[in-house]
PDB file of N, CA and C in Angstrom:
ATOM      1  N   UNK A   1     120.730 -98.078 -17.244  1.00  0.00           N
ATOM      2  CA  UNK A   1     121.317 -96.902 -17.841  1.00  0.00           C
ATOM      3  C   UNK A   1     120.238 -96.050 -18.518  1.00  0.00           C
ATOM      4  N   UNK A   2     119.226 -96.705 -19.054  1.00  0.00           N
ATOM      5  CA  UNK A   2     118.160 -95.963 -19.716  1.00  0.00           C
ATOM      6  C   UNK A   2     117.412 -95.086 -18.717  1.00  0.00           C
ATOM      7  N   UNK A   3     117.175 -95.622 -17.503  1.00  0.00           N
ATOM      8  CA  UNK A   3     116.510 -94.820 -16.472  1.00  0.00           C
ATOM      9  C   UNK A   3     117.349 -93.598 -16.108  1.00  0.00           C
ATOM     10  N   UNK A   4     118.654 -93.753 -16.035  1.00  0.00           N
ATOM     11  CA  UNK A   4     119.524 -92.622 -15.733  1.00  0.00           C
ATOM     12  C   UNK A   4     119.457 -91.590 -16.862  1.00  0.00           C
ATOM     13  N   UNK A   5     119.475 -92.088 -18.102  1.00  0.00           N
ATOM     14  CA  UNK A   5     119.419 -91.188 -19.258  1.00  0.00           C
ATOM     15  C   UNK A   5     118.094 -90.416 -19.301  1.00  0.00           C
ATOM     16  N   UNK A   6     117.027 -91.078 -18.939  1.00  0.00           N
ATOM     17  CA  UNK A   6     115.702 -90.432 -18.973  1.00  0.00           C
ATOM     18  C   UNK A   6     115.423 -89.589 -17.732  1.00  0.00           C
ATOM     19  N   UNK A   7     116.309 -89.627 -16.752  1.00  0.00           N
ATOM     20  CA  UNK A   7     116.132 -88.804 -15.564  1.00  0.00           C
ATOM     21  C   UNK A   7     115.363 -89.478 -14.447  1.00  0.00           C
ATOM     22  N   UNK A   8     115.025 -90.760 -14.575  1.00  0.00           N
ATOM     23  CA  UNK A   8     114.292 -91.479 -13.522  1.00  0.00           C
ATOM     24  C   UNK A   8     115.235 -91.984 -12.422  1.00  0.00           C
ATOM     25  N   UNK A   9     116.522 -91.970 -12.707  1.00  0.00           N
ATOM     26  CA  UNK A   9     117.518 -92.469 -11.758  1.00  0.00           C
ATOM     27  C   UNK A   9     118.579 -91.385 -11.596  1.00  0.00           C
ATOM     28  N   UNK A  10     118.827 -90.987 -10.352  1.00  0.00           N
ATOM     29  CA  UNK A  10     119.812 -89.921 -10.125  1.00  0.00           C
ATOM     30  C   UNK A  10     121.231 -90.462 -10.310  1.00  0.00           C
ATOM     31  N   UNK A  11     122.151 -89.562 -10.555  1.00  0.00           N
ATOM     32  CA  UNK A  11     123.558 -89.948 -10.713  1.00  0.00           C
ATOM     33  C   UNK A  11     124.092 -90.552  -9.414  1.00  0.00           C
ATOM     34  N   UNK A  12     123.643 -90.026  -8.284  1.00  0.00           N
ATOM     35  CA  UNK A  12     124.086 -90.556  -6.994  1.00  0.00           C
ATOM     36  C   UNK A  12     123.600 -91.990  -6.801  1.00  0.00           C
ATOM     37  N   UNK A  13     122.336 -92.242  -7.121  1.00  0.00           N
ATOM     38  CA  UNK A  13     121.783 -93.598  -6.980  1.00  0.00           C
ATOM     39  C   UNK A  13     122.499 -94.565  -7.918  1.00  0.00           C
ATOM     40  N   UNK A  14     122.779 -94.129  -9.147  1.00  0.00           N
ATOM     41  CA  UNK A  14     123.512 -94.967 -10.093  1.00  0.00           C
ATOM     42  C   UNK A  14     124.904 -95.276  -9.562  1.00  0.00           C
ATOM     43  N   UNK A  15     125.555 -94.276  -8.981  1.00  0.00           N
ATOM     44  CA  UNK A  15     126.880 -94.473  -8.397  1.00  0.00           C
ATOM     45  C   UNK A  15     126.837 -95.496  -7.264  1.00  0.00           C
ATOM     46  N   UNK A  16     125.824 -95.416  -6.412  1.00  0.00           N
ATOM     47  CA  UNK A  16     125.677 -96.365  -5.303  1.00  0.00           C
ATOM     48  C   UNK A  16     125.432 -97.775  -5.835  1.00  0.00           C
ATOM     49  N   UNK A  17     124.584 -97.899  -6.842  1.00  0.00           N
ATOM     50  CA  UNK A  17     124.312 -99.217  -7.421  1.00  0.00           C
ATOM     51  C   UNK A  17     125.569 -99.832  -8.020  1.00  0.00           C
ATOM     52  N   UNK A  18     126.348 -99.031  -8.722  1.00  0.00           N
ATOM     53  CA  UNK A  18     127.584 -99.540  -9.328  1.00  0.00           C
ATOM     54  C   UNK A  18     128.602 -99.909  -8.256  1.00  0.00           C
ATOM     55  N   UNK A  19     128.714 -99.084  -7.217  1.00  0.00           N
ATOM     56  CA  UNK A  19     129.685 -99.346  -6.151  1.00  0.00           C
ATOM     57  C   UNK A  19     129.375-100.625  -5.387  1.00  0.00           C
ATOM     58  N   UNK A  20     128.103-101.023  -5.329  1.00  0.00           N
ATOM     59  CA  UNK A  20     127.723-102.200  -4.555  1.00  0.00           C
ATOM     60  C   UNK A  20     127.359-103.397  -5.430  1.00  0.00           C
ATOM     61  N   UNK A  21     127.916-103.443  -6.625  1.00  0.00           N
ATOM     62  CA  UNK A  21     127.705-104.612  -7.480  1.00  0.00           C
ATOM     63  C   UNK A  21     128.359-105.832  -6.844  1.00  0.00           C
ATOM     64  N   UNK A  22     127.892-107.034  -7.154  1.00  0.00           N
ATOM     65  CA  UNK A  22     128.527-108.234  -6.602  1.00  0.00           C
ATOM     66  C   UNK A  22     130.001-108.316  -6.996  1.00  0.00           C
ATOM     67  N   UNK A  23     130.757-108.994  -6.163  1.00  0.00           N
ATOM     68  CA  UNK A  23     132.199-109.107  -6.375  1.00  0.00           C
ATOM     69  C   UNK A  23     132.538-109.699  -7.735  1.00  0.00           C
ATOM     70  N   UNK A  24     131.735-110.648  -8.212  1.00  0.00           N
ATOM     71  CA  UNK A  24     132.055-111.320  -9.473  1.00  0.00           C
ATOM     72  C   UNK A  24     131.304-110.730 -10.668  1.00  0.00           C
ATOM     73  N   UNK A  25     130.849-109.491 -10.563  1.00  0.00           N
ATOM     74  CA  UNK A  25     130.123-108.860 -11.672  1.00  0.00           C
ATOM     75  C   UNK A  25     131.075-108.535 -12.824  1.00  0.00           C
ATOM     76  N   UNK A  26     130.504-108.311 -13.993  1.00  0.00           N
ATOM     77  CA  UNK A  26     131.302-107.984 -15.181  1.00  0.00           C
ATOM     78  C   UNK A  26     132.085-106.694 -14.985  1.00  0.00           C
ATOM     79  N   UNK A  27     131.482-105.723 -14.329  1.00  0.00           N
ATOM     80  CA  UNK A  27     132.166-104.449 -14.103  1.00  0.00           C
ATOM     81  C   UNK A  27     133.396-104.663 -13.227  1.00  0.00           C
ATOM     82  N   UNK A  28     133.243-105.399 -12.134  1.00  0.00           N
ATOM     83  CA  UNK A  28     134.384-105.652 -11.253  1.00  0.00           C
ATOM     84  C   UNK A  28     135.442-106.509 -11.931  1.00  0.00           C
ATOM     85  N   UNK A  29     135.025-107.473 -12.744  1.00  0.00           N
ATOM     86  CA  UNK A  29     136.007-108.272 -13.483  1.00  0.00           C
ATOM     87  C   UNK A  29     136.806-107.400 -14.440  1.00  0.00           C
ATOM     88  N   UNK A  30     136.129-106.456 -15.069  1.00  0.00           N
ATOM     89  CA  UNK A  30     136.804-105.560 -16.011  1.00  0.00           C
ATOM     90  C   UNK A  30     137.763-104.618 -15.279  1.00  0.00           C
ATOM     91  N   UNK A  31     137.341-104.118 -14.116  1.00  0.00           N
ATOM     92  CA  UNK A  31     138.166-103.171 -13.372  1.00  0.00           C
ATOM     93  C   UNK A  31     139.325-103.832 -12.645  1.00  0.00           C
ATOM     94  N   UNK A  32     139.087-105.003 -12.040  1.00  0.00           N
ATOM     95  CA  UNK A  32     140.069-105.608 -11.148  1.00  0.00           C
ATOM     96  C   UNK A  32     140.648-106.924 -11.657  1.00  0.00           C
ATOM     97  N   UNK A  33     140.139-107.442 -12.756  1.00  0.00           N
ATOM     98  CA  UNK A  33     140.686-108.662 -13.342  1.00  0.00           C
ATOM     99  C   UNK A  33     140.463-109.890 -12.479  1.00  0.00           C
ATOM    100  N   UNK A  34     141.492-110.722 -12.419  1.00  0.00           N
ATOM    101  CA  UNK A  34     141.424-112.009 -11.726  1.00  0.00           C
ATOM    102  C   UNK A  34     141.252-111.861 -10.216  1.00  0.00           C
ATOM    103  N   UNK A  35     141.611-110.723  -9.673  1.00  0.00           N
ATOM    104  CA  UNK A  35     141.563-110.521  -8.222  1.00  0.00           C
ATOM    105  C   UNK A  35     140.152-110.636  -7.655  1.00  0.00           C
ATOM    106  N   UNK A  36     139.111-110.393  -8.460  1.00  0.00           N
ATOM    107  CA  UNK A  36     137.746-110.467  -7.933  1.00  0.00           C
ATOM    108  C   UNK A  36     137.330-111.900  -7.634  1.00  0.00           C
ATOM    109  N   UNK A  37     138.029-112.865  -8.196  1.00  0.00           N
ATOM    110  CA  UNK A  37     137.686-114.265  -7.949  1.00  0.00           C
ATOM    111  C   UNK A  37     138.167-114.726  -6.581  1.00  0.00           C
ATOM    112  N   UNK A  38     139.028-113.960  -5.959  1.00  0.00           N
ATOM    113  CA  UNK A  38     139.573-114.317  -4.657  1.00  0.00           C
ATOM    114  C   UNK A  38     138.936-113.450  -3.581  1.00  0.00           C
ATOM    115  N   UNK A  39     138.251-114.098  -2.648  1.00  0.00           N
ATOM    116  CA  UNK A  39     137.694-113.407  -1.497  1.00  0.00           C
ATOM    117  C   UNK A  39     138.599-113.622  -0.290  1.00  0.00           C
ATOM    118  N   UNK A  40     138.123-113.217   0.861  1.00  0.00           N
ATOM    119  CA  UNK A  40     138.907-113.372   2.085  1.00  0.00           C
ATOM    120  C   UNK A  40     139.175-114.844   2.380  1.00  0.00           C
ATOM    121  N   UNK A  41     138.189-115.706   2.120  1.00  0.00           N
ATOM    122  CA  UNK A  41     138.369-117.137   2.403  1.00  0.00           C
ATOM    123  C   UNK A  41     139.489-117.733   1.554  1.00  0.00           C
ATOM    124  N   UNK A  42     139.541-117.366   0.285  1.00  0.00           N
ATOM    125  CA  UNK A  42     140.578-117.901  -0.593  1.00  0.00           C
ATOM    126  C   UNK A  42     141.964-117.408  -0.171  1.00  0.00           C
ATOM    127  N   UNK A  43     142.054-116.124   0.206  1.00  0.00           N
ATOM    128  CA  UNK A  43     143.340-115.590   0.667  1.00  0.00           C
ATOM    129  C   UNK A  43     143.773-116.259   1.969  1.00  0.00           C
ATOM    130  N   UNK A  44     142.828-116.495   2.871  1.00  0.00           N
ATOM    131  CA  UNK A  44     143.172-117.167   4.124  1.00  0.00           C
ATOM    132  C   UNK A  44     143.602-118.610   3.881  1.00  0.00           C
ATOM    133  N   UNK A  45     142.938-119.305   2.959  1.00  0.00           N
ATOM    134  CA  UNK A  45     143.356-120.674   2.631  1.00  0.00           C
ATOM    135  C   UNK A  45     144.757-120.695   2.030  1.00  0.00           C
ATOM    136  N   UNK A  46     145.069-119.729   1.183  1.00  0.00           N
ATOM    137  CA  UNK A  46     146.415-119.651   0.612  1.00  0.00           C
ATOM    138  C   UNK A  46     147.445-119.382   1.709  1.00  0.00           C
ATOM    139  N   UNK A  47     147.112-118.511   2.666  1.00  0.00           N
ATOM    140  CA  UNK A  47     148.023-118.226   3.775  1.00  0.00           C
ATOM    141  C   UNK A  47     148.226-119.463   4.645  1.00  0.00           C
ATOM    142  N   UNK A  48     147.157-120.207   4.894  1.00  0.00           N
ATOM    143  CA  UNK A  48     147.272-121.447   5.673  1.00  0.00           C
ATOM    144  C   UNK A  48     148.177-122.438   4.952  1.00  0.00           C
ATOM    145  N   UNK A  49     147.991-122.567   3.649  1.00  0.00           N
ATOM    146  CA  UNK A  49     148.817-123.477   2.861  1.00  0.00           C
ATOM    147  C   UNK A  49     150.281-123.064   2.922  1.00  0.00           C
ATOM    148  N   UNK A  50     150.552-121.761   2.798  1.00  0.00           N
ATOM    149  CA  UNK A  50     151.933-121.271   2.868  1.00  0.00           C
ATOM    150  C   UNK A  50     152.551-121.560   4.232  1.00  0.00           C
ATOM    151  N   UNK A  51     151.801-121.308   5.297  1.00  0.00           N
ATOM    152  CA  UNK A  51     152.328-121.538   6.646  1.00  0.00           C
ATOM    153  C   UNK A  51     152.551-123.023   6.918  1.00  0.00           C
ATOM    154  N   UNK A  52     151.657-123.855   6.440  1.00  0.00           N
ATOM    155  CA  UNK A  52     151.817-125.293   6.622  1.00  0.00           C
ATOM    156  C   UNK A  52     153.039-125.804   5.863  1.00  0.00           C
ATOM    157  N   UNK A  53     153.241-125.309   4.648  1.00  0.00           N
ATOM    158  CA  UNK A  53     154.418-125.708   3.872  1.00  0.00           C
ATOM    159  C   UNK A  53     155.698-125.253   4.570  1.00  0.00           C
ATOM    160  N   UNK A  54     155.689-124.040   5.138  1.00  0.00           N
ATOM    161  CA  UNK A  54     156.864-123.547   5.859  1.00  0.00           C
ATOM    162  C   UNK A  54     157.119-124.373   7.117  1.00  0.00           C
ATOM    163  N   UNK A  55     156.063-124.754   7.824  1.00  0.00           N
ATOM    164  CA  UNK A  55     156.225-125.581   9.024  1.00  0.00           C
ATOM    165  C   UNK A  55     156.783-126.956   8.667  1.00  0.00           C
ATOM    166  N   UNK A  56     156.295-127.543   7.582  1.00  0.00           N
ATOM    167  CA  UNK A  56     156.835-128.832   7.142  1.00  0.00           C
ATOM    168  C   UNK A  56     158.294-128.702   6.731  1.00  0.00           C
ATOM    169  N   UNK A  57     158.638-127.590   6.082  1.00  0.00           N
ATOM    170  CA  UNK A  57     160.023-127.360   5.679  1.00  0.00           C
ATOM    171  C   UNK A  57     160.915-127.246   6.919  1.00  0.00           C
ATOM    172  N   UNK A  58     160.450-126.470   7.939  1.00  0.00           N
ATOM    173  CA  UNK A  58     161.236-126.319   9.163  1.00  0.00           C
ATOM    174  C   UNK A  58     161.429-127.656   9.861  1.00  0.00           C
ATOM    175  N   UNK A  59     160.384-128.470   9.899  1.00  0.00           N
ATOM    176  CA  UNK A  59     160.483-129.785  10.533  1.00  0.00           C
ATOM    177  C   UNK A  59     161.498-130.656   9.815  1.00  0.00           C
ATOM    178  N   UNK A  60     161.475-130.626   8.483  1.00  0.00           N
ATOM    179  CA  UNK A  60     162.424-131.456   7.736  1.00  0.00           C
ATOM    180  C   UNK A  60     163.853-130.960   7.906  1.00  0.00           C
ATOM    181  N   UNK A  61     164.041-129.651   8.052  1.00  0.00           N
ATOM    182  CA  UNK A  61     165.388-129.109   8.251  1.00  0.00           C
ATOM    183  C   UNK A  61     165.894-129.453   9.649  1.00  0.00           C
ATOM    184  N   UNK A  62     165.040-129.313  10.649  1.00  0.00           N
ATOM    185  CA  UNK A  62     165.453-129.577  12.032  1.00  0.00           C
ATOM    186  C   UNK A  62     165.742-131.056  12.248  1.00  0.00           C
ATOM    187  N   UNK A  63     164.882-131.915  11.715  1.00  0.00           N
ATOM    188  CA  UNK A  63     165.021-133.348  11.956  1.00  0.00           C
ATOM    189  C   UNK A  63     165.828-134.069  10.886  1.00  0.00           C
ATOM    190  N   UNK A  64     166.290-133.348   9.890  1.00  0.00           N
ATOM    191  CA  UNK A  64     167.036-133.978   8.805  1.00  0.00           C
ATOM    192  C   UNK A  64     168.482-134.248   9.185  1.00  0.00           C
ATOM    193  N   UNK A  65     169.136-135.020   8.343  1.00  0.00           N
ATOM    194  CA  UNK A  65     170.547-135.336   8.528  1.00  0.00           C
ATOM    195  C   UNK A  65     171.375-134.082   8.242  1.00  0.00           C
ATOM    196  N   UNK A  66     172.234-133.671   9.180  1.00  0.00           N
ATOM    197  CA  UNK A  66     173.010-132.447   8.965  1.00  0.00           C
ATOM    198  C   UNK A  66     173.989-132.552   7.791  1.00  0.00           C
ATOM    199  N   UNK A  67     174.359-133.774   7.413  1.00  0.00           N
ATOM    200  CA  UNK A  67     175.303-133.941   6.307  1.00  0.00           C
ATOM    201  C   UNK A  67     174.623-133.847   4.945  1.00  0.00           C
ATOM    202  N   UNK A  68     173.319-133.994   4.904  1.00  0.00           N
ATOM    203  CA  UNK A  68     172.600-133.924   3.630  1.00  0.00           C
ATOM    204  C   UNK A  68     172.297-132.473   3.265  1.00  0.00           C
ATOM    205  N   UNK A  69     172.023-132.267   1.991  1.00  0.00           N
ATOM    206  CA  UNK A  69     171.686-130.931   1.515  1.00  0.00           C
ATOM    207  C   UNK A  69     170.287-130.556   2.003  1.00  0.00           C
ATOM    208  N   UNK A  70     170.142-129.302   2.421  1.00  0.00           N
ATOM    209  CA  UNK A  70     168.840-128.826   2.900  1.00  0.00           C
ATOM    210  C   UNK A  70     167.857-128.710   1.742  1.00  0.00           C
ATOM    211  N   UNK A  71     166.595-129.021   1.994  1.00  0.00           N
ATOM    212  CA  UNK A  71     165.588-128.806   0.936  1.00  0.00           C
ATOM    213  C   UNK A  71     165.356-127.308   0.732  1.00  0.00           C
ATOM    214  N   UNK A  72     164.918-126.954  -0.460  1.00  0.00           N
ATOM    215  CA  UNK A  72     164.621-125.553  -0.765  1.00  0.00           C
ATOM    216  C   UNK A  72     163.385-125.109   0.005  1.00  0.00           C
ATOM    217  N   UNK A  73     163.377-123.828   0.355  1.00  0.00           N
ATOM    218  CA  UNK A  73     162.216-123.253   1.023  1.00  0.00           C
ATOM    219  C   UNK A  73     161.032-123.301   0.061  1.00  0.00           C
ATOM    220  N   UNK A  74     159.837-123.649   0.537  1.00  0.00           N
ATOM    221  CA  UNK A  74     158.683-123.779  -0.371  1.00  0.00           C
ATOM    222  C   UNK A  74     158.255-122.442  -0.968  1.00  0.00           C
ATOM    223  N   UNK A  75     157.809-122.491  -2.207  1.00  0.00           N
ATOM    224  CA  UNK A  75     157.281-121.301  -2.881  1.00  0.00           C
ATOM    225  C   UNK A  75     155.870-121.028  -2.375  1.00  0.00           C
ATOM    226  N   UNK A  76     155.504-119.759  -2.231  1.00  0.00           N
ATOM    227  CA  UNK A  76     154.138-119.441  -1.791  1.00  0.00           C
ATOM    228  C   UNK A  76     153.120-119.744  -2.885  1.00  0.00           C
ATOM    229  N   UNK A  77     151.891-119.949  -2.474  1.00  0.00           N
ATOM    230  CA  UNK A  77     150.795-120.171  -3.419  1.00  0.00           C
ATOM    231  C   UNK A  77     150.615-118.896  -4.234  1.00  0.00           C
ATOM    232  N   UNK A  78     150.561-118.998  -5.560  1.00  0.00           N
ATOM    233  CA  UNK A  78     150.363-117.778  -6.359  1.00  0.00           C
ATOM    234  C   UNK A  78     149.002-117.151  -6.075  1.00  0.00           C
ATOM    235  N   UNK A  79     149.005-115.849  -5.978  1.00  0.00           N
ATOM    236  CA  UNK A  79     147.776-115.106  -5.719  1.00  0.00           C
ATOM    237  C   UNK A  79     147.495-114.170  -6.886  1.00  0.00           C
ATOM    238  N   UNK A  80     146.239-113.779  -7.053  1.00  0.00           N
ATOM    239  CA  UNK A  80     145.924-112.859  -8.148  1.00  0.00           C
ATOM    240  C   UNK A  80     146.679-111.545  -7.993  1.00  0.00           C
ATOM    241  N   UNK A  81     147.171-111.070  -9.093  1.00  0.00           N
ATOM    242  CA  UNK A  81     147.905-109.816  -9.069  1.00  0.00           C
ATOM    243  C   UNK A  81     149.381-109.978  -8.800  1.00  0.00           C
ATOM    244  N   UNK A  82     149.802-111.161  -8.356  1.00  0.00           N
ATOM    245  CA  UNK A  82     151.225-111.400  -8.149  1.00  0.00           C
ATOM    246  C   UNK A  82     151.885-111.594  -9.501  1.00  0.00           C
ATOM    247  N   UNK A  83     152.952-110.888  -9.724  1.00  0.00           N
ATOM    248  CA  UNK A  83     153.738-111.067 -10.944  1.00  0.00           C
ATOM    249  C   UNK A  83     155.200-111.116 -10.530  1.00  0.00           C
ATOM    250  N   UNK A  84     155.900-112.146 -10.969  1.00  0.00           N
ATOM    251  CA  UNK A  84     157.282-112.317 -10.554  1.00  0.00           C
ATOM    252  C   UNK A  84     158.184-111.218 -11.097  1.00  0.00           C
ATOM    253  N   UNK A  85     157.854-110.685 -12.275  1.00  0.00           N
ATOM    254  CA  UNK A  85     158.738-109.696 -12.877  1.00  0.00           C
ATOM    255  C   UNK A  85     158.301-108.264 -12.608  1.00  0.00           C
ATOM    256  N   UNK A  86     157.215-108.042 -11.887  1.00  0.00           N
ATOM    257  CA  UNK A  86     156.738-106.695 -11.605  1.00  0.00           C
ATOM    258  C   UNK A  86     156.956-106.362 -10.130  1.00  0.00           C
ATOM    259  N   UNK A  87     157.919-105.459  -9.822  1.00  0.00           N
ATOM    260  CA  UNK A  87     158.108-105.068  -8.424  1.00  0.00           C
ATOM    261  C   UNK A  87     157.007-104.118  -7.984  1.00  0.00           C
ATOM    262  N   UNK A  88     156.925-103.889  -6.680  1.00  0.00           N
ATOM    263  CA  UNK A  88     155.972-102.924  -6.159  1.00  0.00           C
ATOM    264  C   UNK A  88     156.336-101.548  -6.691  1.00  0.00           C
ATOM    265  N   UNK A  89     155.365-100.649  -6.854  1.00  0.00           N
ATOM    266  CA  UNK A  89     155.672 -99.305  -7.368  1.00  0.00           C
ATOM    267  C   UNK A  89     156.719 -98.573  -6.539  1.00  0.00           C
ATOM    268  N   UNK A  90     156.691 -98.695  -5.216  1.00  0.00           N
ATOM    269  CA  UNK A  90     157.680 -98.019  -4.375  1.00  0.00           C
ATOM    270  C   UNK A  90     159.075 -98.573  -4.611  1.00  0.00           C
ATOM    271  N   UNK A  91     159.182 -99.868  -4.939  1.00  0.00           N
ATOM    272  CA  UNK A  91     160.490-100.473  -5.149  1.00  0.00           C
ATOM    273  C   UNK A  91     161.131 -99.958  -6.432  1.00  0.00           C
ATOM    274  N   UNK A  92     160.332 -99.553  -7.418  1.00  0.00           N
ATOM    275  CA  UNK A  92     160.889 -99.049  -8.666  1.00  0.00           C
ATOM    276  C   UNK A  92     161.577 -97.708  -8.462  1.00  0.00           C
ATOM    277  N   UNK A  93     160.967 -96.823  -7.685  1.00  0.00           N
ATOM    278  CA  UNK A  93     161.495 -95.476  -7.538  1.00  0.00           C
ATOM    279  C   UNK A  93     162.464 -95.345  -6.367  1.00  0.00           C
ATOM    280  N   UNK A  94     162.530 -96.343  -5.509  1.00  0.00           N
ATOM    281  CA  UNK A  94     163.404 -96.263  -4.347  1.00  0.00           C
ATOM    282  C   UNK A  94     164.859 -96.416  -4.778  1.00  0.00           C
ATOM    283  N   UNK A  95     165.771 -95.691  -4.137  1.00  0.00           N
ATOM    284  CA  UNK A  95     167.179 -95.848  -4.481  1.00  0.00           C
ATOM    285  C   UNK A  95     167.677 -97.210  -4.032  1.00  0.00           C
ATOM    286  N   UNK A  96     168.680 -97.694  -4.749  1.00  0.00           N
ATOM    287  CA  UNK A  96     169.220 -99.006  -4.403  1.00  0.00           C
ATOM    288  C   UNK A  96     170.066 -98.882  -3.150  1.00  0.00           C
ATOM    289  N   UNK A  97     170.141 -99.969  -2.405  1.00  0.00           N
ATOM    290  CA  UNK A  97     170.881 -99.987  -1.152  1.00  0.00           C
ATOM    291  C   UNK A  97     172.377-100.086  -1.381  1.00  0.00           C
ATOM    292  N   UNK A  98     173.105-100.555  -0.384  1.00  0.00           N
ATOM    293  CA  UNK A  98     174.553-100.664  -0.452  1.00  0.00           C
ATOM    294  C   UNK A  98     174.982-101.629  -1.539  1.00  0.00           C
ATOM    295  N   UNK A  99     175.952-101.202  -2.329  1.00  0.00           N
ATOM    296  CA  UNK A  99     176.547-102.098  -3.318  1.00  0.00           C
ATOM    297  C   UNK A  99     175.607-102.514  -4.424  1.00  0.00           C
ATOM    298  N   UNK A 100     174.588-101.753  -4.721  1.00  0.00           N
ATOM    299  CA  UNK A 100     173.691-102.102  -5.821  1.00  0.00           C
ATOM    300  C   UNK A 100     172.701-103.201  -5.480  1.00  0.00           C
ATOM    301  N   UNK A 101     172.480-103.452  -4.209  1.00  0.00           N
ATOM    302  CA  UNK A 101     171.507-104.477  -3.814  1.00  0.00           C
ATOM    303  C   UNK A 101     170.109-103.988  -4.167  1.00  0.00           C
ATOM    304  N   UNK A 102     169.214-104.897  -4.563  1.00  0.00           N
ATOM    305  CA  UNK A 102     167.862-104.453  -4.909  1.00  0.00           C
ATOM    306  C   UNK A 102     167.143-103.884  -3.697  1.00  0.00           C
ATOM    307  N   UNK A 103     166.291-102.915  -3.952  1.00  0.00           N
ATOM    308  CA  UNK A 103     165.523-102.293  -2.878  1.00  0.00           C
ATOM    309  C   UNK A 103     164.528-103.302  -2.316  1.00  0.00           C
ATOM    310  N   UNK A 104     164.315-103.319  -0.997  1.00  0.00           N
ATOM    311  CA  UNK A 104     163.371-104.281  -0.415  1.00  0.00           C
ATOM    312  C   UNK A 104     161.946-103.968  -0.833  1.00  0.00           C
ATOM    313  N   UNK A 105     161.148-105.018  -0.952  1.00  0.00           N
ATOM    314  CA  UNK A 105     159.739-104.830  -1.282  1.00  0.00           C
ATOM    315  C   UNK A 105     158.986-104.500  -0.004  1.00  0.00           C
ATOM    316  N   UNK A 106     157.852-103.851  -0.152  1.00  0.00           N
ATOM    317  CA  UNK A 106     157.081-103.417   1.006  1.00  0.00           C
ATOM    318  C   UNK A 106     155.973-104.409   1.303  1.00  0.00           C
ATOM    319  N   UNK A 107     155.475-104.356   2.521  1.00  0.00           N
ATOM    320  CA  UNK A 107     154.319-105.150   2.899  1.00  0.00           C
ATOM    321  C   UNK A 107     153.046-104.405   2.546  1.00  0.00           C
ATOM    322  N   UNK A 108     151.909-104.974   2.856  1.00  0.00           N
ATOM    323  CA  UNK A 108     150.644-104.303   2.532  1.00  0.00           C
ATOM    324  C   UNK A 108     150.446-103.056   3.390  1.00  0.00           C
ATOM    325  N   UNK A 109     149.809-102.067   2.807  1.00  0.00           N
ATOM    326  CA  UNK A 109     149.503-100.836   3.540  1.00  0.00           C
ATOM    327  C   UNK A 109     148.279-101.075   4.425  1.00  0.00           C
ATOM    328  N   UNK A 110     148.036-100.210   5.397  1.00  0.00           N
ATOM    329  CA  UNK A 110     146.830-100.370   6.222  1.00  0.00           C
ATOM    330  C   UNK A 110     145.551-100.358   5.389  1.00  0.00           C
ATOM    331  N   UNK A 111     145.511 -99.548   4.347  1.00  0.00           N
ATOM    332  CA  UNK A 111     144.328 -99.514   3.477  1.00  0.00           C
ATOM    333  C   UNK A 111     144.124-100.829   2.750  1.00  0.00           C
ATOM    334  N   UNK A 112     145.227-101.433   2.281  1.00  0.00           N
ATOM    335  CA  UNK A 112     145.122-102.721   1.601  1.00  0.00           C
ATOM    336  C   UNK A 112     144.661-103.811   2.560  1.00  0.00           C
ATOM    337  N   UNK A 113     145.148-103.769   3.797  1.00  0.00           N
ATOM    338  CA  UNK A 113     144.696-104.748   4.791  1.00  0.00           C
ATOM    339  C   UNK A 113     143.216-104.567   5.107  1.00  0.00           C
ATOM    340  N   UNK A 114     142.774-103.319   5.213  1.00  0.00           N
ATOM    341  CA  UNK A 114     141.366-103.044   5.494  1.00  0.00           C
ATOM    342  C   UNK A 114     140.486-103.573   4.366  1.00  0.00           C
ATOM    343  N   UNK A 115     140.916-103.365   3.108  1.00  0.00           N
ATOM    344  CA  UNK A 115     140.160-103.889   1.968  1.00  0.00           C
ATOM    345  C   UNK A 115     140.139-105.412   1.970  1.00  0.00           C
ATOM    346  N   UNK A 116     141.259-106.012   2.344  1.00  0.00           N
ATOM    347  CA  UNK A 116     141.351-107.465   2.367  1.00  0.00           C
ATOM    348  C   UNK A 116     140.366-108.076   3.363  1.00  0.00           C
ATOM    349  N   UNK A 117     140.265-107.487   4.541  1.00  0.00           N
ATOM    350  CA  UNK A 117     139.418-108.062   5.575  1.00  0.00           C
ATOM    351  C   UNK A 117     137.991-107.524   5.566  1.00  0.00           C
ATOM    352  N   UNK A 118     137.641-106.665   4.604  1.00  0.00           N
ATOM    353  CA  UNK A 118     136.263-106.159   4.560  1.00  0.00           C
ATOM    354  C   UNK A 118     135.417-106.963   3.609  1.00  0.00           C
TER     355      UNK A 118
END
């Protein structure tokens, strides 16, 4: 910052340096919170765990005794930024469906998917 203040570092160069800080830097932790601790590998492992749990659940339902109570569907692995009581922004402003049913939540946008896989 001192170099920028003294004029030895341009604002553009400072912007580039800040934009390319490591994922776990203090700046990124401050801006994005817990989400910086999760990279693509961690998200893929969570997805694998969720799919494996769903496959095991399906197997137990298919091969289980029809007279017994079905097991509950497995809960997904919690991910950073997930909050049970916070709906997506679009779900808050969307009108409710028939009979006061809650508005459906949306999937990830193309931009969010691009960020996830980059």
